[in-house]
Amino acid sequence: MWKEIKNYALLWDSKKRKGIVKVLLVDDVYYKIVVKSAKELNAIANILREEKNLSYNIISGSIACGWKPSSDENEFSYFAQE
């Protein structure tokens, strides 16, 4: 199920060399995304900072942007086929 992202926070632990992206959804529930590289954290941060209409899939952990998806689980299923 896709839900709109209301806010986010980024953390990079330089000793452990991993990061966390915390997203706050419109229903005021937080989700954590663990990232394994600074490059991955930077890519996600750029999406969150620059794009509009951000959504988070609470089942798959995916982030989408560009248009508001419906709550249909298969709305972005074509991404998984690549």
Protein backbone atom coordinates (compact mmCIF):
# COMPACT_ATOMS: atom_id res chain seq x y z
CA MET A 1 0.00 0.00 0.00
CA TRP A 2 1.37 3.42 -1.03
CA LYS A 3 1.24 6.36 1.36
CA GLU A 4 2.37 9.94 0.92
CA ILE A 5 5.65 10.97 2.60
CA LYS A 6 5.16 13.96 4.87
CA ASN A 7 8.75 14.40 6.09
CA TYR A 8 12.06 12.56 6.38
CA ALA A 9 15.38 12.42 8.26
CA LEU A 10 18.79 11.08 7.19
CA LEU A 11 21.55 9.52 9.30
CA TRP A 12 24.97 8.26 8.21
CA ASP A 13 27.12 6.34 10.74
CA SER A 14 30.68 6.74 9.47
CA LYS A 15 32.09 4.14 11.87
CA LYS A 16 29.62 1.40 10.92
CA ARG A 17 29.50 2.64 7.31
CA LYS A 18 25.73 2.37 7.04
CA GLY A 19 22.85 4.77 7.16
CA ILE A 20 19.19 5.14 7.95
CA VAL A 21 16.48 7.08 6.17
CA LYS A 22 13.47 7.67 8.37
CA VAL A 23 10.26 8.65 6.58
CA LEU A 24 7.18 10.12 8.24
CA LEU A 25 3.98 9.35 6.38
CA VAL A 26 0.79 11.40 6.27
CA ASP A 27 -0.80 9.14 8.88
CA ASP A 28 2.05 10.11 11.29
CA VAL A 29 3.68 6.66 11.20
CA TYR A 30 7.48 6.38 10.82
CA TYR A 31 9.34 3.80 8.71
CA LYS A 32 13.09 3.16 8.60
CA ILE A 33 15.06 2.34 5.47
CA VAL A 34 18.53 0.92 6.14
CA VAL A 35 21.12 1.81 3.50
CA LYS A 36 24.45 0.06 3.04
CA SER A 37 26.50 2.77 1.35
CA ALA A 38 26.97 6.53 1.31
CA LYS A 39 26.18 6.45 -2.41
CA GLU A 40 22.80 4.81 -1.77
CA LEU A 41 22.02 7.32 1.01
CA ASN A 42 22.91 10.19 -1.31
CA ALA A 43 20.67 8.83 -4.09
CA ILE A 44 17.68 8.51 -1.76
CA ALA A 45 18.40 11.93 -0.24
CA ASN A 46 18.41 13.52 -3.69
CA ILE A 47 15.04 11.99 -4.50
CA LEU A 48 13.55 13.16 -1.20
CA ARG A 49 14.97 16.68 -1.55
CA GLU A 50 14.32 17.33 -5.23
CA GLU A 51 11.20 15.42 -6.26
CA LYS A 52 7.51 16.14 -5.70
CA ASN A 53 4.63 13.84 -4.80
CA LEU A 54 6.72 11.40 -2.77
CA SER A 55 5.16 8.10 -1.75
CA TYR A 56 6.39 5.14 0.30
CA ASN A 57 5.18 1.56 -0.05
CA ILE A 58 4.72 0.20 3.47
CA ILE A 59 4.88 -3.39 2.23
CA SER A 60 7.86 -3.37 -0.14
CA GLY A 61 9.78 -0.40 1.28
CA SER A 62 9.94 1.34 -2.10
CA ILE A 63 9.95 5.10 -2.66
CA ALA A 64 8.16 6.58 -5.68
CA CYS A 65 7.87 10.12 -6.98
CA GLY A 66 6.43 12.10 -9.84
CA TRP A 67 2.72 11.43 -9.47
CA LYS A 68 0.43 10.40 -6.70
CA PRO A 69 -0.05 6.64 -6.90
CA SER A 70 -3.32 5.03 -5.99
CA SER A 71 -3.43 2.74 -2.98
CA ASP A 72 -3.32 -0.19 -5.43
CA GLU A 73 -0.38 -2.42 -4.52
CA ASN A 74 0.44 -3.16 -8.17
CA GLU A 75 0.53 0.48 -9.29
CA PHE A 76 4.34 0.44 -9.61
CA SER A 77 4.84 -3.28 -10.16
CA TYR A 78 6.66 -2.66 -13.46
CA PHE A 79 9.69 -1.37 -11.48
CA ALA A 80 10.24 -4.85 -10.05
CA GLN A 81 10.38 -6.39 -13.54
CA GLU A 82 13.55 -4.55 -14.58
